[in-house]
N, C-alpha and C. Protein backbone atom coordinates (compact mmCIF):
# COMPACT_ATOMS: atom_id res chain seq x y z
N MET A 1 0.85 -1.18 0.00
CA MET A 1 0.00 0.00 0.00
C MET A 1 0.90 1.24 0.00
N THR A 2 0.59 2.21 -0.80
CA THR A 2 1.37 3.43 -0.88
C THR A 2 0.61 4.58 -0.27
N GLY A 3 1.31 5.42 0.51
CA GLY A 3 0.71 6.59 1.12
C GLY A 3 0.54 7.70 0.12
N LEU A 4 0.05 8.82 0.58
CA LEU A 4 -0.16 9.98 -0.28
C LEU A 4 1.13 10.45 -0.92
N ASP A 5 1.06 10.83 -2.16
CA ASP A 5 2.19 11.39 -2.89
C ASP A 5 3.42 10.49 -2.86
N GLY A 6 3.25 9.20 -2.64
CA GLY A 6 4.39 8.28 -2.59
C GLY A 6 5.30 8.54 -1.40
N ARG A 7 4.80 9.24 -0.37
CA ARG A 7 5.64 9.58 0.78
C ARG A 7 5.93 8.39 1.67
N ALA A 8 5.10 7.35 1.59
CA ALA A 8 5.33 6.18 2.43
C ALA A 8 4.77 4.94 1.76
N THR A 9 5.41 3.82 2.03
CA THR A 9 4.85 2.53 1.67
C THR A 9 4.72 1.73 2.97
N ILE A 10 3.62 1.01 3.06
CA ILE A 10 3.35 0.21 4.24
C ILE A 10 2.94 -1.17 3.76
N GLU A 11 3.72 -2.18 4.18
CA GLU A 11 3.44 -3.57 3.79
C GLU A 11 3.29 -4.41 5.03
N VAL A 12 2.37 -5.36 4.99
CA VAL A 12 2.13 -6.26 6.11
C VAL A 12 2.57 -7.65 5.70
N GLU A 13 3.41 -8.26 6.53
CA GLU A 13 3.89 -9.62 6.32
C GLU A 13 3.42 -10.47 7.49
N ALA A 14 2.51 -11.41 7.24
CA ALA A 14 1.98 -12.24 8.31
C ALA A 14 2.59 -13.63 8.25
N CYS A 15 3.15 -14.06 9.37
CA CYS A 15 3.68 -15.40 9.56
C CYS A 15 3.01 -15.96 10.80
N PRO A 16 3.01 -17.27 10.97
CA PRO A 16 2.39 -17.83 12.17
C PRO A 16 2.97 -17.21 13.45
N GLY A 17 2.12 -16.57 14.22
CA GLY A 17 2.52 -16.00 15.50
C GLY A 17 3.08 -14.60 15.44
N THR A 18 3.57 -14.16 14.29
CA THR A 18 4.19 -12.83 14.17
C THR A 18 3.69 -12.12 12.93
N THR A 19 3.31 -10.89 13.11
CA THR A 19 2.96 -10.03 11.99
C THR A 19 3.93 -8.87 11.97
N THR A 20 4.50 -8.61 10.79
CA THR A 20 5.46 -7.51 10.63
C THR A 20 4.86 -6.47 9.71
N ILE A 21 4.92 -5.22 10.15
CA ILE A 21 4.48 -4.10 9.34
C ILE A 21 5.73 -3.33 8.94
N VAL A 22 6.03 -3.32 7.65
CA VAL A 22 7.23 -2.68 7.13
C VAL A 22 6.84 -1.30 6.61
N VAL A 23 7.49 -0.27 7.16
CA VAL A 23 7.18 1.10 6.78
C VAL A 23 8.43 1.73 6.17
N ARG A 24 8.27 2.32 4.99
CA ARG A 24 9.36 3.06 4.35
C ARG A 24 8.85 4.45 4.03
N GLY A 25 9.69 5.44 4.30
CA GLY A 25 9.30 6.82 4.01
C GLY A 25 8.99 7.59 5.27
N GLU A 26 7.90 8.35 5.25
CA GLU A 26 7.54 9.23 6.36
C GLU A 26 6.21 8.82 6.98
N LEU A 27 6.16 8.89 8.31
CA LEU A 27 4.89 8.70 9.02
C LEU A 27 4.52 10.04 9.64
N ASP A 28 3.47 10.64 9.10
CA ASP A 28 3.03 11.94 9.58
C ASP A 28 1.51 11.99 9.51
N LEU A 29 0.95 13.17 9.67
CA LEU A 29 -0.50 13.34 9.68
C LEU A 29 -1.15 12.83 8.39
N ALA A 30 -0.47 13.00 7.26
CA ALA A 30 -1.04 12.58 5.98
C ALA A 30 -0.98 11.06 5.78
N THR A 31 0.05 10.41 6.30
CA THR A 31 0.21 8.97 6.07
C THR A 31 -0.30 8.12 7.23
N MET A 32 -0.56 8.73 8.39
CA MET A 32 -1.02 7.97 9.55
C MET A 32 -2.31 7.19 9.29
N PRO A 33 -3.29 7.71 8.54
CA PRO A 33 -4.50 6.90 8.27
C PRO A 33 -4.18 5.59 7.53
N PHE A 34 -3.17 5.59 6.66
CA PHE A 34 -2.78 4.37 5.97
C PHE A 34 -2.18 3.37 6.95
N LEU A 35 -1.36 3.87 7.87
CA LEU A 35 -0.78 3.01 8.90
C LEU A 35 -1.89 2.44 9.78
N ALA A 36 -2.84 3.26 10.19
CA ALA A 36 -3.94 2.81 11.04
C ALA A 36 -4.77 1.73 10.34
N ALA A 37 -5.01 1.89 9.05
CA ALA A 37 -5.79 0.90 8.30
C ALA A 37 -5.04 -0.43 8.22
N GLN A 38 -3.76 -0.39 7.95
CA GLN A 38 -2.96 -1.61 7.87
C GLN A 38 -2.84 -2.28 9.24
N LEU A 39 -2.72 -1.47 10.27
CA LEU A 39 -2.63 -2.00 11.63
C LEU A 39 -3.94 -2.70 12.01
N ALA A 40 -5.08 -2.11 11.65
CA ALA A 40 -6.38 -2.72 11.95
C ALA A 40 -6.49 -4.09 11.29
N LEU A 41 -6.01 -4.21 10.06
CA LEU A 41 -6.03 -5.51 9.38
C LEU A 41 -5.07 -6.49 10.04
N ALA A 42 -3.92 -6.00 10.45
CA ALA A 42 -2.89 -6.87 11.02
C ALA A 42 -3.31 -7.46 12.35
N VAL A 43 -3.98 -6.71 13.19
CA VAL A 43 -4.35 -7.20 14.53
C VAL A 43 -5.64 -8.02 14.51
N ARG A 44 -6.30 -8.03 13.39
CA ARG A 44 -7.54 -8.80 13.27
C ARG A 44 -7.32 -10.28 13.56
N ASP A 45 -6.14 -10.80 13.19
CA ASP A 45 -5.82 -12.21 13.40
C ASP A 45 -5.17 -12.48 14.75
N ARG A 46 -5.08 -11.46 15.60
CA ARG A 46 -4.53 -11.59 16.95
C ARG A 46 -3.13 -12.23 16.96
N PRO A 47 -2.15 -11.56 16.34
CA PRO A 47 -0.80 -12.13 16.35
C PRO A 47 -0.22 -12.15 17.76
N GLY A 48 0.65 -13.09 18.02
CA GLY A 48 1.31 -13.14 19.32
C GLY A 48 2.39 -12.09 19.43
N ARG A 49 2.92 -11.68 18.28
CA ARG A 49 4.00 -10.69 18.24
C ARG A 49 3.73 -9.75 17.08
N LEU A 50 3.87 -8.46 17.33
CA LEU A 50 3.64 -7.45 16.30
C LEU A 50 4.92 -6.63 16.15
N VAL A 51 5.50 -6.68 14.96
CA VAL A 51 6.78 -6.02 14.69
C VAL A 51 6.57 -4.90 13.69
N PHE A 52 7.11 -3.73 14.01
CA PHE A 52 7.11 -2.60 13.09
C PHE A 52 8.54 -2.43 12.60
N ASP A 53 8.80 -2.75 11.35
CA ASP A 53 10.14 -2.58 10.78
C ASP A 53 10.23 -1.14 10.29
N LEU A 54 10.95 -0.32 11.05
CA LEU A 54 11.07 1.11 10.73
C LEU A 54 12.46 1.45 10.20
N SER A 55 13.18 0.45 9.73
CA SER A 55 14.54 0.71 9.23
C SER A 55 14.53 1.63 8.02
N GLY A 56 13.44 1.67 7.28
CA GLY A 56 13.35 2.54 6.11
C GLY A 56 12.50 3.79 6.35
N THR A 57 12.19 4.06 7.61
CA THR A 57 11.37 5.22 7.96
C THR A 57 12.27 6.39 8.29
N HIS A 58 12.12 7.48 7.54
CA HIS A 58 12.98 8.65 7.70
C HIS A 58 12.45 9.64 8.73
N PHE A 59 11.13 9.64 8.94
CA PHE A 59 10.51 10.61 9.83
C PHE A 59 9.28 9.98 10.46
N ILE A 60 9.03 10.30 11.73
CA ILE A 60 7.81 9.87 12.39
C ILE A 60 7.32 11.02 13.27
N ASP A 61 6.02 11.29 13.21
CA ASP A 61 5.48 12.33 14.08
C ASP A 61 4.95 11.69 15.36
N CYS A 62 4.58 12.51 16.32
CA CYS A 62 4.15 12.00 17.63
C CYS A 62 2.87 11.17 17.53
N GLY A 63 1.96 11.56 16.66
CA GLY A 63 0.71 10.81 16.51
C GLY A 63 0.94 9.40 16.01
N SER A 64 1.81 9.25 15.03
CA SER A 64 2.14 7.92 14.51
C SER A 64 2.88 7.09 15.55
N ALA A 65 3.75 7.74 16.30
CA ALA A 65 4.47 7.04 17.37
C ALA A 65 3.49 6.53 18.43
N ARG A 66 2.50 7.35 18.78
CA ARG A 66 1.48 6.93 19.75
C ARG A 66 0.66 5.75 19.21
N LEU A 67 0.33 5.79 17.94
CA LEU A 67 -0.43 4.71 17.32
C LEU A 67 0.34 3.40 17.41
N ILE A 68 1.62 3.44 17.11
CA ILE A 68 2.45 2.23 17.17
C ILE A 68 2.55 1.72 18.61
N ALA A 69 2.82 2.62 19.54
CA ALA A 69 2.96 2.20 20.94
C ALA A 69 1.65 1.63 21.48
N ALA A 70 0.53 2.18 21.06
CA ALA A 70 -0.78 1.72 21.54
C ALA A 70 -1.16 0.36 20.96
N ALA A 71 -0.47 -0.09 19.94
CA ALA A 71 -0.79 -1.38 19.32
C ALA A 71 -0.61 -2.54 20.30
N GLY A 72 0.11 -2.33 21.37
CA GLY A 72 0.30 -3.37 22.37
C GLY A 72 -1.00 -3.81 23.02
N GLN A 73 -2.00 -2.97 22.99
CA GLN A 73 -3.28 -3.33 23.61
C GLN A 73 -3.93 -4.53 22.93
N TRP A 74 -3.55 -4.83 21.70
CA TRP A 74 -4.14 -5.95 20.98
C TRP A 74 -3.30 -7.22 21.09
N LEU A 75 -2.19 -7.14 21.79
CA LEU A 75 -1.32 -8.30 21.93
C LEU A 75 -1.66 -9.08 23.20
N PRO A 76 -1.52 -10.40 23.16
CA PRO A 76 -1.84 -11.20 24.34
C PRO A 76 -0.84 -11.00 25.47
N ASP A 77 -1.31 -11.22 26.68
CA ASP A 77 -0.46 -11.22 27.88
C ASP A 77 0.34 -9.93 28.06
N GLY A 78 -0.23 -8.81 27.71
CA GLY A 78 0.45 -7.53 27.93
C GLY A 78 1.68 -7.35 27.06
N GLY A 79 1.72 -8.02 25.92
CA GLY A 79 2.86 -7.90 25.02
C GLY A 79 3.05 -6.47 24.54
N ARG A 80 4.27 -6.18 24.14
CA ARG A 80 4.58 -4.85 23.63
C ARG A 80 4.94 -4.96 22.16
N PRO A 81 4.56 -3.98 21.36
CA PRO A 81 4.98 -4.00 19.96
C PRO A 81 6.50 -3.87 19.87
N VAL A 82 7.06 -4.48 18.84
CA VAL A 82 8.50 -4.45 18.61
C VAL A 82 8.78 -3.45 17.51
N ILE A 83 9.75 -2.58 17.75
CA ILE A 83 10.18 -1.65 16.71
C ILE A 83 11.56 -2.10 16.26
N ARG A 84 11.63 -2.51 15.01
CA ARG A 84 12.86 -3.07 14.46
C ARG A 84 13.70 -1.99 13.76
N ARG A 85 14.92 -1.88 14.19
CA ARG A 85 15.95 -1.03 13.58
C ARG A 85 15.51 0.40 13.27
N PRO A 86 15.00 1.12 14.27
CA PRO A 86 14.62 2.51 13.98
C PRO A 86 15.84 3.38 13.73
N ARG A 87 15.72 4.29 12.80
CA ARG A 87 16.80 5.25 12.55
C ARG A 87 16.92 6.20 13.74
N ARG A 88 18.00 6.90 13.80
CA ARG A 88 18.29 7.78 14.94
C ARG A 88 17.17 8.78 15.21
N GLY A 89 16.65 9.44 14.19
CA GLY A 89 15.60 10.44 14.38
C GLY A 89 14.30 9.83 14.87
N VAL A 90 13.96 8.65 14.36
CA VAL A 90 12.75 7.96 14.80
C VAL A 90 12.90 7.53 16.26
N ARG A 91 14.05 6.99 16.58
CA ARG A 91 14.29 6.56 17.97
C ARG A 91 14.23 7.76 18.92
N ARG A 92 14.74 8.89 18.47
CA ARG A 92 14.74 10.10 19.30
C ARG A 92 13.32 10.56 19.61
N VAL A 93 12.42 10.51 18.63
CA VAL A 93 11.02 10.88 18.87
C VAL A 93 10.41 9.94 19.91
N LEU A 94 10.68 8.65 19.79
CA LEU A 94 10.16 7.68 20.75
C LEU A 94 10.69 7.96 22.16
N GLU A 95 11.96 8.31 22.25
CA GLU A 95 12.57 8.60 23.55
C GLU A 95 12.02 9.88 24.14
N LEU A 96 11.90 10.94 23.34
CA LEU A 96 11.42 12.23 23.85
C LEU A 96 9.98 12.17 24.33
N THR A 97 9.18 11.33 23.69
CA THR A 97 7.77 11.22 24.07
C THR A 97 7.56 10.18 25.17
N GLY A 98 8.58 9.41 25.48
CA GLY A 98 8.46 8.35 26.48
C GLY A 98 7.79 7.10 25.96
N LEU A 99 7.48 7.07 24.67
CA LEU A 99 6.81 5.92 24.08
C LEU A 99 7.73 4.72 23.91
N ASP A 100 9.03 4.94 23.98
CA ASP A 100 9.98 3.82 23.87
C ASP A 100 9.78 2.83 25.03
N ALA A 101 9.26 3.29 26.15
CA ALA A 101 9.02 2.41 27.30
C ALA A 101 7.85 1.46 27.06
N ARG A 102 7.01 1.78 26.09
CA ARG A 102 5.85 0.93 25.79
C ARG A 102 6.11 -0.02 24.63
N CYS A 103 7.35 -0.03 24.14
CA CYS A 103 7.73 -0.86 23.00
C CYS A 103 9.03 -1.59 23.30
N GLU A 104 9.27 -2.64 22.54
CA GLU A 104 10.59 -3.26 22.53
C GLU A 104 11.32 -2.68 21.33
N ILE A 105 12.54 -2.25 21.53
CA ILE A 105 13.31 -1.67 20.44
C ILE A 105 14.40 -2.66 20.05
N GLU A 106 14.38 -3.11 18.80
CA GLU A 106 15.44 -3.98 18.29
C GLU A 106 16.49 -3.11 17.64
N PRO A 107 17.73 -3.21 18.07
CA PRO A 107 18.79 -2.39 17.48
C PRO A 107 19.22 -2.91 16.12
N LEU A 108 20.12 -2.16 15.51
CA LEU A 108 20.73 -2.63 14.27
C LEU A 108 21.48 -3.91 14.57
N VAL A 109 21.50 -4.82 13.63
CA VAL A 109 22.18 -6.09 13.80
C VAL A 109 23.66 -5.90 13.51
N MET A 110 24.49 -6.40 14.40
CA MET A 110 25.94 -6.31 14.16
C MET A 110 26.25 -7.05 12.87
N GLY A 111 27.14 -6.51 12.11
CA GLY A 111 27.50 -7.11 10.84
C GLY A 111 26.80 -6.44 9.66
N SER A 112 25.75 -5.65 9.95
CA SER A 112 25.11 -4.93 8.86
C SER A 112 25.99 -3.74 8.50
N ASN A 113 25.77 -3.16 7.37
CA ASN A 113 26.62 -2.06 6.94
C ASN A 113 26.33 -0.77 7.69
N ARG A 114 25.24 -0.73 8.49
CA ARG A 114 24.93 0.48 9.24
C ARG A 114 25.37 0.38 10.68
N ALA A 115 25.67 -0.82 11.16
CA ALA A 115 26.10 -0.97 12.55
C ALA A 115 27.61 -1.06 12.59
N ARG A 116 28.21 -0.28 13.43
CA ARG A 116 29.67 -0.30 13.54
C ARG A 116 30.05 -0.57 14.98
N PRO A 117 30.82 -1.61 15.22
CA PRO A 117 31.25 -1.85 16.59
C PRO A 117 32.20 -0.76 17.04
N ARG A 118 32.16 -0.48 18.31
CA ARG A 118 33.07 0.53 18.85
C ARG A 118 34.42 -0.11 19.13
N ALA A 119 35.46 0.65 18.86
CA ALA A 119 36.81 0.16 19.15
C ALA A 119 37.02 0.14 20.65
N PRO A 120 37.69 -0.88 21.16
CA PRO A 120 37.92 -0.93 22.59
C PRO A 120 38.83 0.22 23.03
N VAL A 121 38.56 0.71 24.22
CA VAL A 121 39.38 1.79 24.77
C VAL A 121 40.55 1.14 25.48
N ARG A 122 41.74 1.56 25.14
CA ARG A 122 42.94 1.01 25.76
C ARG A 122 43.58 2.09 26.62
N GLU A 123 43.89 1.68 27.82
CA GLU A 123 44.58 2.61 28.71
C GLU A 123 46.02 2.71 28.28
N GLN A 124 46.51 3.92 28.29
CA GLN A 124 47.90 4.13 27.94
C GLN A 124 48.66 4.45 29.22
N PRO A 125 49.85 3.87 29.36
CA PRO A 125 50.63 4.17 30.56
C PRO A 125 50.86 5.66 30.70
N GLY A 126 50.67 6.15 31.90
CA GLY A 126 50.91 7.56 32.19
C GLY A 126 49.82 8.50 31.73
N ALA A 127 48.67 7.96 31.28
CA ALA A 127 47.60 8.82 30.77
C ALA A 127 46.93 9.62 31.88
N ASP A 128 47.05 9.17 33.14
CA ASP A 128 46.38 9.87 34.22
C ASP A 128 47.27 10.92 34.90
N ARG A 129 48.39 11.21 34.32
CA ARG A 129 49.31 12.18 34.93
C ARG A 129 49.08 13.58 34.46
């Protein structure tokens, strides 16, 4: 499904027990109704796990972030929606609004071209003088 003006694409991938909603582009006031419609279809089958793949999402507004965080209400046993590989700006919106506490955040996978391990810090003799 494509959002207005091609600003976003939203695809739903259903597997036994897990439904993944893949979002590419922007989630804002104009595209949020498309996300809400896809989410309504996705939770109809009562998945045990609901994953939002936001690795291709460049922007998210507070309303869309609230919609994603509230999706946990449809999960069994108080489950929380999973946000997969959010970009820095998307993660920042979740953190600033406190909505990250209502979701599980999956980080970038080590070995991908976007994740870089940090070099170990080595103490040098005499560095504290």
